C-alpha atoms as a PDB file:
ATOM      1  CA  MET A   1      49.369 -57.156  24.661  1.00  0.00           C
ATOM      2  CA  LYS A   2      48.969 -56.153  21.289  1.00  0.00           C
ATOM      3  CA  LYS A   3      48.515 -59.643  18.957  1.00  0.00           C
ATOM      4  CA  ILE A   4      49.065 -63.289  20.228  1.00  0.00           C
ATOM      5  CA  LEU A   5      50.286 -65.599  17.127  1.00  0.00           C
ATOM      6  CA  ILE A   6      49.800 -69.419  17.819  1.00  0.00           C
ATOM      7  CA  THR A   7      51.470 -71.615  15.857  1.00  0.00           C
ATOM      8  CA  GLY A   8      49.234 -75.100  15.378  1.00  0.00           C
ATOM      9  CA  GLY A   9      46.182 -73.510  16.944  1.00  0.00           C
ATOM     10  CA  CYS A  10      43.933 -75.963  15.475  1.00  0.00           C
ATOM     11  CA  GLY A  11      45.415 -78.632  17.252  1.00  0.00           C
ATOM     12  CA  TYR A  12      44.267 -80.514  20.128  1.00  0.00           C
ATOM     13  CA  VAL A  13      45.591 -78.332  22.987  1.00  0.00           C
ATOM     14  CA  GLY A  14      45.284 -74.881  20.313  1.00  0.00           C
ATOM     15  CA  SER A  15      41.470 -75.857  19.812  1.00  0.00           C
ATOM     16  CA  VAL A  16      40.969 -75.400  23.909  1.00  0.00           C
ATOM     17  CA  LEU A  17      43.060 -72.393  24.345  1.00  0.00           C
ATOM     18  CA  VAL A  18      42.265 -70.168  21.578  1.00  0.00           C
ATOM     19  CA  PRO A  19      38.701 -69.714  22.515  1.00  0.00           C
ATOM     20  CA  LYS A  20      39.952 -69.079  25.748  1.00  0.00           C
ATOM     21  CA  LEU A  21      42.399 -66.285  24.455  1.00  0.00           C
ATOM     22  CA  VAL A  22      39.475 -64.715  22.139  1.00  0.00           C
ATOM     23  CA  GLU A  23      37.091 -64.913  25.433  1.00  0.00           C
ATOM     24  CA  ARG A  24      39.937 -62.557  27.064  1.00  0.00           C
ATOM     25  CA  ASN A  25      39.488 -59.817  24.187  1.00  0.00           C
ATOM     26  CA  LEU A  26      42.881 -60.883  22.362  1.00  0.00           C
ATOM     27  CA  ASP A  27      43.369 -60.176  18.821  1.00  0.00           C
ATOM     28  CA  VAL A  28      45.030 -63.509  17.886  1.00  0.00           C
ATOM     29  CA  ILE A  29      46.291 -65.199  14.721  1.00  0.00           C
ATOM     30  CA  VAL A  30      46.157 -68.556  14.197  1.00  0.00           C
ATOM     31  CA  VAL A  31      48.846 -70.455  11.478  1.00  0.00           C
ATOM     32  CA  ASP A  32      47.856 -74.174  11.200  1.00  0.00           C
ATOM     33  CA  LYS A  33      48.221 -76.250   8.025  1.00  0.00           C
ATOM     34  CA  GLN A  34      44.672 -77.653   9.369  1.00  0.00           C
ATOM     35  CA  TRP A  35      45.691 -81.507   8.887  1.00  0.00           C
ATOM     36  CA  PHE A  36      43.048 -82.264  10.922  1.00  0.00           C
ATOM     37  CA  GLY A  37      40.597 -79.988  10.144  1.00  0.00           C
ATOM     38  CA  ASN A  38      39.753 -76.376  12.306  1.00  0.00           C
ATOM     39  CA  PHE A  39      37.294 -76.600  15.148  1.00  0.00           C
ATOM     40  CA  LEU A  40      37.837 -73.016  16.218  1.00  0.00           C
ATOM     41  CA  PRO A  41      35.185 -69.957  16.089  1.00  0.00           C
ATOM     42  CA  ASN A  42      34.595 -68.599  12.822  1.00  0.00           C
ATOM     43  CA  ASN A  43      32.693 -65.550  13.631  1.00  0.00           C
ATOM     44  CA  ASN A  44      34.749 -63.765  15.848  1.00  0.00           C
ATOM     45  CA  PRO A  45      36.376 -60.486  14.161  1.00  0.00           C
ATOM     46  CA  ARG A  46      39.454 -60.908  17.020  1.00  0.00           C
ATOM     47  CA  LEU A  47      40.422 -64.169  15.232  1.00  0.00           C
ATOM     48  CA  LYS A  48      42.262 -64.816  12.338  1.00  0.00           C
ATOM     49  CA  VAL A  49      43.010 -68.273  11.096  1.00  0.00           C
ATOM     50  CA  ILE A  50      45.169 -68.705   8.291  1.00  0.00           C
ATOM     51  CA  GLN A  51      46.059 -72.269   6.350  1.00  0.00           C
ATOM     52  CA  LYS A  52      49.584 -72.546   6.582  1.00  0.00           C
ATOM     53  CA  GLY A  53      52.270 -74.577   8.117  1.00  0.00           C
ATOM     54  CA  VAL A  54      55.392 -73.556   9.756  1.00  0.00           C
ATOM     55  CA  ALA A  55      56.996 -74.005   6.643  1.00  0.00           C
ATOM     56  CA  GLU A  56      55.194 -70.874   4.897  1.00  0.00           C
ATOM     57  CA  ILE A  57      56.037 -68.824   7.973  1.00  0.00           C
ATOM     58  CA  ASP A  58      57.823 -66.197   5.451  1.00  0.00           C
ATOM     59  CA  GLU A  59      54.266 -64.868   4.228  1.00  0.00           C
ATOM     60  CA  ILE A  60      52.998 -64.322   7.907  1.00  0.00           C
ATOM     61  CA  ASP A  61      53.052 -60.597   8.803  1.00  0.00           C
ATOM     62  CA  LEU A  62      53.937 -60.522  12.307  1.00  0.00           C
ATOM     63  CA  LYS A  63      53.605 -56.854  12.254  1.00  0.00           C
ATOM     64  CA  ASP A  64      52.356 -55.672  15.740  1.00  0.00           C
ATOM     65  CA  VAL A  65      52.968 -59.713  17.329  1.00  0.00           C
ATOM     66  CA  SER A  66      54.138 -59.394  21.098  1.00  0.00           C
ATOM     67  CA  CYS A  67      54.072 -62.887  21.399  1.00  0.00           C
ATOM     68  CA  VAL A  68      54.232 -66.284  19.966  1.00  0.00           C
ATOM     69  CA  ILE A  69      53.215 -69.643  21.335  1.00  0.00           C
ATOM     70  CA  HIS A  70      54.545 -72.179  19.140  1.00  0.00           C
ATOM     71  CA  LEU A  71      52.731 -75.554  19.394  1.00  0.00           C
ATOM     72  CA  ALA A  72      52.754 -76.607  15.938  1.00  0.00           C
ATOM     73  CA  ASN A  73      54.769 -79.997  15.448  1.00  0.00           C
ATOM     74  CA  VAL A  74      54.764 -83.680  14.372  1.00  0.00           C
ATOM     75  CA  ALA A  75      53.593 -84.932  17.371  1.00  0.00           C
ATOM     76  CA  ASN A  76      54.304 -88.311  19.231  1.00  0.00           C
ATOM     77  CA  ASP A  77      56.641 -90.760  18.181  1.00  0.00           C
ATOM     78  CA  PRO A  78      54.587 -92.641  15.747  1.00  0.00           C
ATOM     79  CA  SER A  79      53.859 -89.969  13.639  1.00  0.00           C
ATOM     80  CA  VAL A  80      57.449 -88.618  13.218  1.00  0.00           C
ATOM     81  CA  GLU A  81      58.608 -92.192  12.441  1.00  0.00           C
ATOM     82  CA  LEU A  82      56.369 -92.205   9.175  1.00  0.00           C
ATOM     83  CA  ASN A  83      59.010 -89.536   7.799  1.00  0.00           C
ATOM     84  CA  PRO A  84      62.047 -88.589  10.442  1.00  0.00           C
ATOM     85  CA  ILE A  85      63.615 -86.452   7.886  1.00  0.00           C
ATOM     86  CA  LEU A  86      60.649 -84.285   7.564  1.00  0.00           C
ATOM     87  CA  SER A  87      59.875 -84.231  10.818  1.00  0.00           C
ATOM     88  CA  TRP A  88      63.268 -82.828  11.837  1.00  0.00           C
ATOM     89  CA  GLU A  89      62.635 -79.949   9.120  1.00  0.00           C
ATOM     90  CA  ILE A  90      59.240 -79.246  10.912  1.00  0.00           C
ATOM     91  CA  ASN A  91      60.225 -79.502  14.334  1.00  0.00           C
ATOM     92  CA  THR A  92      63.564 -77.899  14.111  1.00  0.00           C
ATOM     93  CA  LEU A  93      64.481 -76.098  11.229  1.00  0.00           C
ATOM     94  CA  HIS A  94      61.058 -74.005  10.397  1.00  0.00           C
ATOM     95  CA  LEU A  95      61.111 -73.398  13.922  1.00  0.00           C
ATOM     96  CA  SER A  96      64.672 -71.589  13.383  1.00  0.00           C
ATOM     97  CA  GLN A  97      62.845 -69.921  10.674  1.00  0.00           C
ATOM     98  CA  LEU A  98      60.217 -68.623  12.464  1.00  0.00           C
ATOM     99  CA  LEU A  99      62.667 -67.177  15.675  1.00  0.00           C
ATOM    100  CA  PHE A 100      64.825 -65.271  13.195  1.00  0.00           C
ATOM    101  CA  LYS A 101      61.439 -63.390  12.171  1.00  0.00           C
ATOM    102  CA  CYS A 102      60.513 -63.042  15.515  1.00  0.00           C
ATOM    103  CA  MET A 103      63.805 -61.402  16.329  1.00  0.00           C
ATOM    104  CA  LYS A 104      63.636 -59.056  13.271  1.00  0.00           C
ATOM    105  CA  ALA A 105      59.972 -58.202  14.168  1.00  0.00           C
ATOM    106  CA  ARG A 106      60.821 -57.329  17.771  1.00  0.00           C
ATOM    107  CA  VAL A 107      58.123 -59.869  19.372  1.00  0.00           C
ATOM    108  CA  GLN A 108      58.746 -59.377  23.250  1.00  0.00           C
ATOM    109  CA  LYS A 109      57.874 -63.251  24.138  1.00  0.00           C
ATOM    110  CA  PHE A 110      58.055 -66.665  23.070  1.00  0.00           C
ATOM    111  CA  ILE A 111      56.614 -69.809  24.436  1.00  0.00           C
ATOM    112  CA  TYR A 112      57.614 -72.844  22.990  1.00  0.00           C
ATOM    113  CA  ALA A 113      55.768 -76.354  23.534  1.00  0.00           C
ATOM    114  CA  SER A 114      58.724 -78.871  24.371  1.00  0.00           C
ATOM    115  CA  SER A 115      57.548 -82.232  25.636  1.00  0.00           C
ATOM    116  CA  GLY A 116      57.970 -83.968  29.063  1.00  0.00           C
ATOM    117  CA  SER A 117      59.648 -86.867  27.008  1.00  0.00           C
ATOM    118  CA  VAL A 118      62.975 -85.290  26.575  1.00  0.00           C
ATOM    119  CA  TYR A 119      64.018 -86.556  29.625  1.00  0.00           C
ATOM    120  CA  GLY A 120      63.660 -90.170  28.441  1.00  0.00           C
ATOM    121  CA  VAL A 121      64.106 -92.708  31.309  1.00  0.00           C
ATOM    122  CA  LYS A 122      64.915 -91.728  34.468  1.00  0.00           C
ATOM    123  CA  ASN A 123      64.859 -93.578  37.551  1.00  0.00           C
ATOM    124  CA  ASP A 124      64.638 -90.559  39.757  1.00  0.00           C
ATOM    125  CA  PRO A 125      61.887 -90.188  42.315  1.00  0.00           C
ATOM    126  CA  LYS A 126      61.651 -86.241  40.795  1.00  0.00           C
ATOM    127  CA  VAL A 127      61.892 -85.449  37.199  1.00  0.00           C
ATOM    128  CA  THR A 128      62.953 -81.610  37.647  1.00  0.00           C
ATOM    129  CA  GLU A 129      64.144 -79.188  35.054  1.00  0.00           C
ATOM    130  CA  ASP A 130      67.828 -79.474  36.469  1.00  0.00           C
ATOM    131  CA  LEU A 131      68.132 -82.919  35.150  1.00  0.00           C
ATOM    132  CA  ILE A 132      69.886 -83.653  31.757  1.00  0.00           C
ATOM    133  CA  PRO A 133      67.946 -84.614  28.861  1.00  0.00           C
ATOM    134  CA  GLU A 134      68.332 -87.831  27.592  1.00  0.00           C
ATOM    135  CA  PRO A 135      65.697 -88.642  24.438  1.00  0.00           C
ATOM    136  CA  ILE A 136      65.689 -92.007  23.521  1.00  0.00           C
ATOM    137  CA  SER A 137      63.446 -91.535  19.783  1.00  0.00           C
ATOM    138  CA  VAL A 138      63.233 -89.616  16.965  1.00  0.00           C
ATOM    139  CA  TYR A 139      60.521 -87.177  17.931  1.00  0.00           C
ATOM    140  CA  ASN A 140      61.939 -86.654  21.570  1.00  0.00           C
ATOM    141  CA  LYS A 141      65.206 -86.015  20.164  1.00  0.00           C
ATOM    142  CA  THR A 142      63.813 -83.054  17.885  1.00  0.00           C
ATOM    143  CA  LYS A 143      61.984 -81.802  20.766  1.00  0.00           C
ATOM    144  CA  MET A 144      65.626 -81.560  22.432  1.00  0.00           C
ATOM    145  CA  VAL A 145      67.638 -80.059  19.775  1.00  0.00           C
ATOM    146  CA  ALA A 146      64.177 -77.348  19.153  1.00  0.00           C
ATOM    147  CA  GLU A 147      64.474 -76.188  22.943  1.00  0.00           C
ATOM    148  CA  ARG A 148      68.289 -75.351  22.152  1.00  0.00           C
ATOM    149  CA  VAL A 149      67.227 -73.492  19.350  1.00  0.00           C
ATOM    150  CA  VAL A 150      65.001 -71.745  20.618  1.00  0.00           C
ATOM    151  CA  ASN A 151      67.568 -71.087  23.673  1.00  0.00           C
ATOM    152  CA  GLY A 152      69.649 -69.333  21.050  1.00  0.00           C
ATOM    153  CA  PHE A 153      67.308 -66.268  20.906  1.00  0.00           C
ATOM    154  CA  LYS A 154      67.168 -65.679  24.682  1.00  0.00           C
ATOM    155  CA  ASP A 155      69.030 -62.325  24.082  1.00  0.00           C
ATOM    156  CA  TYR A 156      66.629 -61.197  21.880  1.00  0.00           C
ATOM    157  CA  MET A 157      63.038 -61.912  23.553  1.00  0.00           C
ATOM    158  CA  GLU A 158      61.355 -63.858  26.736  1.00  0.00           C
ATOM    159  CA  ILE A 159      61.956 -67.521  25.858  1.00  0.00           C
ATOM    160  CA  TYR A 160      59.933 -70.069  27.785  1.00  0.00           C
ATOM    161  CA  ASN A 161      60.268 -73.901  27.302  1.00  0.00           C
ATOM    162  CA  ILE A 162      56.991 -75.537  28.210  1.00  0.00           C
ATOM    163  CA  ARG A 163      57.670 -79.169  29.216  1.00  0.00           C
ATOM    164  CA  PRO A 164      54.372 -80.965  28.983  1.00  0.00           C
ATOM    165  CA  ALA A 165      52.791 -84.509  30.735  1.00  0.00           C
ATOM    166  CA  THR A 166      50.717 -86.651  28.476  1.00  0.00           C
ATOM    167  CA  VAL A 167      47.677 -84.492  28.133  1.00  0.00           C
ATOM    168  CA  CYS A 168      44.460 -85.835  28.665  1.00  0.00           C
ATOM    169  CA  GLY A 169      40.537 -84.583  28.091  1.00  0.00           C
ATOM    170  CA  PHE A 170      38.238 -83.314  25.653  1.00  0.00           C
ATOM    171  CA  SER A 171      38.976 -80.997  22.542  1.00  0.00           C
ATOM    172  CA  PRO A 172      37.117 -79.561  19.770  1.00  0.00           C
ATOM    173  CA  ARG A 173      39.988 -81.510  17.852  1.00  0.00           C
ATOM    174  CA  MET A 174      39.755 -84.442  19.636  1.00  0.00           C
ATOM    175  CA  ARG A 175      42.654 -86.974  20.326  1.00  0.00           C
ATOM    176  CA  LEU A 176      41.942 -91.128  20.931  1.00  0.00           C
ATOM    177  CA  ASP A 177      45.319 -91.583  20.663  1.00  0.00           C
ATOM    178  CA  VAL A 178      46.725 -90.347  24.127  1.00  0.00           C
ATOM    179  CA  VAL A 179      46.853 -92.597  27.187  1.00  0.00           C
ATOM    180  CA  VAL A 180      43.886 -91.921  28.682  1.00  0.00           C
ATOM    181  CA  ASN A 181      41.564 -90.493  25.849  1.00  0.00           C
ATOM    182  CA  MET A 182      42.318 -93.664  24.520  1.00  0.00           C
ATOM    183  CA  PHE A 183      41.895 -96.101  27.130  1.00  0.00           C
ATOM    184  CA  VAL A 184      38.391 -94.229  27.945  1.00  0.00           C
ATOM    185  CA  TRP A 185      37.788 -94.923  24.247  1.00  0.00           C
ATOM    186  CA  GLN A 186      38.820 -98.813  24.394  1.00  0.00           C
ATOM    187  CA  ALA A 187      36.395 -99.293  27.205  1.00  0.00           C
ATOM    188  CA  TYR A 188      33.489 -97.542  26.265  1.00  0.00           C
ATOM    189  CA  SER A 189      33.346 -99.156  22.490  1.00  0.00           C
ATOM    190  CA  THR A 190      34.759-102.635  23.055  1.00  0.00           C
ATOM    191  CA  GLY A 191      34.928-103.555  27.216  1.00  0.00           C
ATOM    192  CA  THR A 192      38.319-103.977  26.796  1.00  0.00           C
ATOM    193  CA  ILE A 193      41.660-101.923  27.709  1.00  0.00           C
ATOM    194  CA  ASN A 194      44.661-103.176  25.680  1.00  0.00           C
ATOM    195  CA  VAL A 195      47.459-102.105  28.116  1.00  0.00           C
ATOM    196  CA  LEU A 196      51.239-102.679  27.047  1.00  0.00           C
ATOM    197  CA  GLY A 197      53.248-103.189  30.261  1.00  0.00           C
ATOM    198  CA  GLY A 198      51.295-101.544  32.829  1.00  0.00           C
ATOM    199  CA  ASP A 199      54.018-100.938  35.807  1.00  0.00           C
ATOM    200  CA  GLN A 200      55.474 -97.519  33.715  1.00  0.00           C
ATOM    201  CA  ILE A 201      55.033 -94.398  35.255  1.00  0.00           C
ATOM    202  CA  ARG A 202      53.970 -91.221  33.291  1.00  0.00           C
ATOM    203  CA  PRO A 203      53.045 -87.823  34.134  1.00  0.00           C
ATOM    204  CA  ASN A 204      49.530 -86.343  32.993  1.00  0.00           C
ATOM    205  CA  ILE A 205      48.034 -83.134  32.618  1.00  0.00           C
ATOM    206  CA  ASN A 206      44.271 -82.028  32.189  1.00  0.00           C
ATOM    207  CA  ILE A 207      44.102 -80.280  28.513  1.00  0.00           C
ATOM    208  CA  ASN A 208      42.121 -77.497  30.695  1.00  0.00           C
ATOM    209  CA  ASP A 209      45.184 -77.224  32.753  1.00  0.00           C
ATOM    210  CA  MET A 210      47.578 -77.451  29.785  1.00  0.00           C
ATOM    211  CA  ALA A 211      45.681 -74.154  28.215  1.00  0.00           C
ATOM    212  CA  SER A 212      46.172 -72.555  31.338  1.00  0.00           C
ATOM    213  CA  VAL A 213      49.728 -72.840  31.870  1.00  0.00           C
ATOM    214  CA  TYR A 214      50.309 -71.004  28.258  1.00  0.00           C
ATOM    215  CA  MET A 215      47.956 -68.271  29.209  1.00  0.00           C
ATOM    216  CA  HIS A 216      49.994 -68.024  32.471  1.00  0.00           C
ATOM    217  CA  PHE A 217      53.307 -67.374  31.022  1.00  0.00           C
ATOM    218  CA  LEU A 218      51.339 -65.643  28.383  1.00  0.00           C
ATOM    219  CA  PHE A 219      49.872 -63.135  31.046  1.00  0.00           C
ATOM    220  CA  SER A 220      52.326 -63.030  33.918  1.00  0.00           C
ATOM    221  CA  ASP A 221      54.979 -60.445  33.991  1.00  0.00           C
ATOM    222  CA  GLY A 222      58.276 -61.511  35.946  1.00  0.00           C
ATOM    223  CA  ILE A 223      58.279 -64.945  35.413  1.00  0.00           C
ATOM    224  CA  VAL A 224      62.068 -65.879  34.768  1.00  0.00           C
ATOM    225  CA  PRO A 225      62.645 -67.486  31.578  1.00  0.00           C
ATOM    226  CA  GLY A 226      63.698 -71.119  31.165  1.00  0.00           C
ATOM    227  CA  ASP A 227      62.616 -74.615  31.161  1.00  0.00           C
ATOM    228  CA  TYR A 228      59.359 -75.234  33.007  1.00  0.00           C
ATOM    229  CA  ASN A 229      57.750 -79.070  33.756  1.00  0.00           C
ATOM    230  CA  ALA A 230      54.282 -78.937  33.255  1.00  0.00           C
ATOM    231  CA  GLY A 231      52.380 -82.368  34.622  1.00  0.00           C
ATOM    232  CA  PHE A 232      50.748 -82.838  38.295  1.00  0.00           C
ATOM    233  CA  GLU A 233      49.402 -86.446  38.536  1.00  0.00           C
ATOM    234  CA  ASN A 234      52.438 -89.530  38.253  1.00  0.00           C
ATOM    235  CA  LEU A 235      50.447 -92.277  37.328  1.00  0.00           C
ATOM    236  CA  SER A 236      51.277 -95.688  36.153  1.00  0.00           C
ATOM    237  CA  ILE A 237      49.651 -96.907  32.921  1.00  0.00           C
ATOM    238  CA  ARG A 238      47.650 -99.604  35.099  1.00  0.00           C
ATOM    239  CA  GLU A 239      46.531 -96.881  37.758  1.00  0.00           C
ATOM    240  CA  ILE A 240      45.315 -95.574  34.925  1.00  0.00           C
ATOM    241  CA  ALA A 241      43.109 -98.467  33.428  1.00  0.00           C
ATOM    242  CA  GLU A 242      42.259 -99.436  36.406  1.00  0.00           C
ATOM    243  CA  SER A 243      40.502 -96.310  37.353  1.00  0.00           C
ATOM    244  CA  ILE A 244      38.788 -95.970  34.235  1.00  0.00           C
ATOM    245  CA  VAL A 245      37.610 -99.696  34.398  1.00  0.00           C
ATOM    246  CA  GLY A 246      36.294 -98.672  38.212  1.00  0.00           C
ATOM    247  CA  ARG A 247      33.833 -95.804  36.331  1.00  0.00           C
ATOM    248  CA  ILE A 248      32.937 -97.792  33.286  1.00  0.00           C
ATOM    249  CA  GLY A 249      33.411-101.166  33.395  1.00  0.00           C
ATOM    250  CA  GLY A 250      35.216-103.947  31.370  1.00  0.00           C
ATOM    251  CA  ILE A 251      38.237-106.226  31.022  1.00  0.00           C
ATOM    252  CA  ILE A 252      42.131-105.135  31.364  1.00  0.00           C
ATOM    253  CA  GLU A 253      44.144-107.128  28.806  1.00  0.00           C
ATOM    254  CA  TYR A 254      47.676-106.838  30.060  1.00  0.00           C
ATOM    255  CA  LEU A 255      50.329-107.268  26.906  1.00  0.00           C
ATOM    256  CA  PRO A 256      54.075-107.075  26.536  1.00  0.00           C
ATOM    257  CA  SER A 257      55.792-103.481  25.914  1.00  0.00           C
ATOM    258  CA  ASN A 258      58.826-102.396  24.253  1.00  0.00           C
ATOM    259  CA  ASP A 259      58.197 -99.106  25.537  1.00  0.00           C
ATOM    260  CA  PRO A 260      60.917 -98.428  28.883  1.00  0.00           C
ATOM    261  CA  ARG A 261      59.956 -94.814  29.471  1.00  0.00           C
ATOM    262  CA  SER A 262      59.274 -94.409  33.062  1.00  0.00           C
ATOM    263  CA  TYR A 263      59.511 -91.335  34.925  1.00  0.00           C
ATOM    264  CA  ARG A 264      58.219 -88.843  37.762  1.00  0.00           C
ATOM    265  CA  GLN A 265      57.677 -85.111  36.506  1.00  0.00           C
ATOM    266  CA  ASP A 266      58.374 -82.297  38.970  1.00  0.00           C
ATOM    267  CA  SER A 267      56.574 -79.191  38.495  1.00  0.00           C
ATOM    268  CA  THR A 268      57.312 -77.482  41.565  1.00  0.00           C
ATOM    269  CA  LYS A 269      58.973 -74.417  39.635  1.00  0.00           C
ATOM    270  CA  LEU A 270      56.099 -73.723  37.839  1.00  0.00           C
ATOM    271  CA  ILE A 271      54.046 -73.959  41.146  1.00  0.00           C
ATOM    272  CA  ASP A 272      56.561 -71.221  42.208  1.00  0.00           C
ATOM    273  CA  THR A 273      55.395 -68.948  39.356  1.00  0.00           C
ATOM    274  CA  GLY A 274      51.680 -68.981  41.422  1.00  0.00           C
ATOM    275  CA  PHE A 275      50.330 -71.544  38.930  1.00  0.00           C
ATOM    276  CA  ARG A 276      47.653 -73.696  40.306  1.00  0.00           C
ATOM    277  CA  PRO A 277      45.998 -76.741  38.361  1.00  0.00           C
ATOM    278  CA  LEU A 278      42.610 -77.559  38.447  1.00  0.00           C
ATOM    279  CA  ASN A 279      41.235 -80.255  36.778  1.00  0.00           C
ATOM    280  CA  GLY A 280      43.019 -83.785  36.714  1.00  0.00           C
ATOM    281  CA  VAL A 281      42.648 -86.907  35.101  1.00  0.00           C
ATOM    282  CA  THR A 282      39.861 -88.254  37.126  1.00  0.00           C
ATOM    283  CA  ASP A 283      38.256 -85.069  35.748  1.00  0.00           C
ATOM    284  CA  ALA A 284      39.429 -85.987  32.124  1.00  0.00           C
ATOM    285  CA  ILE A 285      37.699 -89.417  32.164  1.00  0.00           C
ATOM    286  CA  GLU A 286      34.834 -88.301  33.629  1.00  0.00           C
ATOM    287  CA  ASP A 287      34.212 -85.743  31.089  1.00  0.00           C
ATOM    288  CA  LEU A 288      34.828 -88.283  28.524  1.00  0.00           C
ATOM    289  CA  VAL A 289      32.580 -90.728  29.710  1.00  0.00           C
ATOM    290  CA  GLU A 290      29.758 -88.613  29.838  1.00  0.00           C
ATOM    291  CA  ARG A 291      30.245 -87.085  25.992  1.00  0.00           C
ATOM    292  CA  PHE A 292      30.581 -90.765  24.693  1.00  0.00           C
ATOM    293  CA  GLN A 293      27.210 -91.728  26.442  1.00  0.00           C
ATOM    294  CA  SER A 294      25.350 -89.452  25.487  1.00  0.00           C
ATOM    295  CA  GLY A 295      26.390 -89.418  21.644  1.00  0.00           C
ATOM    296  CA  SER A 296      28.001 -85.751  21.807  1.00  0.00           C
ATOM    297  CA  LEU A 297      31.582 -87.228  21.315  1.00  0.00           C
ATOM    298  CA  LYS A 298      32.103 -90.013  18.675  1.00  0.00           C
ATOM    299  CA  ASP A 299      35.045 -91.696  16.528  1.00  0.00           C
ATOM    300  CA  ASP A 300      36.563 -90.071  14.111  1.00  0.00           C
ATOM    301  CA  PRO A 301      39.419 -91.035  11.956  1.00  0.00           C
ATOM    302  CA  ARG A 302      40.666 -87.576  12.713  1.00  0.00           C
ATOM    303  CA  TRP A 303      40.990 -88.349  15.960  1.00  0.00           C
ATOM    304  CA  HIS A 304      43.945 -90.808  15.445  1.00  0.00           C
ATOM    305  CA  THR A 305      46.876 -89.179  14.680  1.00  0.00           C
ATOM    306  CA  VAL A 306      48.701 -91.446  12.873  1.00  0.00           C
ATOM    307  CA  LYS A 307      46.113 -93.467  11.029  1.00  0.00           C
ATOM    308  CA  SER A 308      44.598 -89.983   9.578  1.00  0.00           C
ATOM    309  CA  MET A 309      48.255 -89.162   8.357  1.00  0.00           C
ATOM    310  CA  LYS A 310      48.340 -92.200   6.258  1.00  0.00           C
ATOM    311  CA  SER A 311      44.974 -91.807   4.737  1.00  0.00           C
ATOM    312  CA  GLN A 312      45.721 -88.214   3.603  1.00  0.00           C
ATOM    313  CA  ASN A 313      48.843 -89.379   2.525  1.00  0.00           C
ATOM    314  CA  LEU A 314      50.807 -86.170   4.406  1.00  0.00           C
ATOM    315  CA  PHE A 315      53.995 -87.783   4.502  1.00  0.00           C
END
């Protein structure tokens, strides 16, 4: 394996994944606009961080790059709604430009960070990769279309579309706007968790397992290219809130919700490739509580994606 290119490597998941790859003595190139800062190691000769976005991919040299892990995107529904047109450009148009460049550079493997939310509302007891995606939001739709764009290059490189569940847990580039992390922060800071609805079922994945999933596809040979779910705990929003209150105390305030999404993600296909999750939601909660209580983790405007984007006039 020569070099690894990671787009969006300064983000929430990338800030956990990249140090793990560097520890494996890989040469890693990170391309990231750094909207929310750069928390990656700055003293490792094997790591090169380039402050550019995917729109500037033509300026990036892919010589000797054997694998691309594409994490860069405008993430989550509220962020995309700030500027849907620009979000489509970043999440799909610039992705196609990157893929053409990868094809010309003879990149061997392309790992795309899609989303489990492409499934939309599903009543099936197990949402597997065989079900047809039915996205209901603009963000979900950009992910589904992006998958189709990526699959258009399957004759030129190994293509893996990873469909993560909602990620939880600590990262140097923290996020307090994803459900588990947000609920822990609310319970710790105000003593009240605000739950919209509560009965919706959502799949979850610990951020350390999320990083391990990408490494699994990076290092493993012989895995059949295609779509892979990555989520291991299907919990109701109510169950998550109750678990946090049981650990830290506080009360739960239930409010009406206009978000109908509810589905149980099945990751048997990923498990069958040999992957094994080692962390869970409870581990994420415990780690976050300890960090908040010790003062090593504090609130920061950058940990709230939409607020940070608005304050910087990014869109």
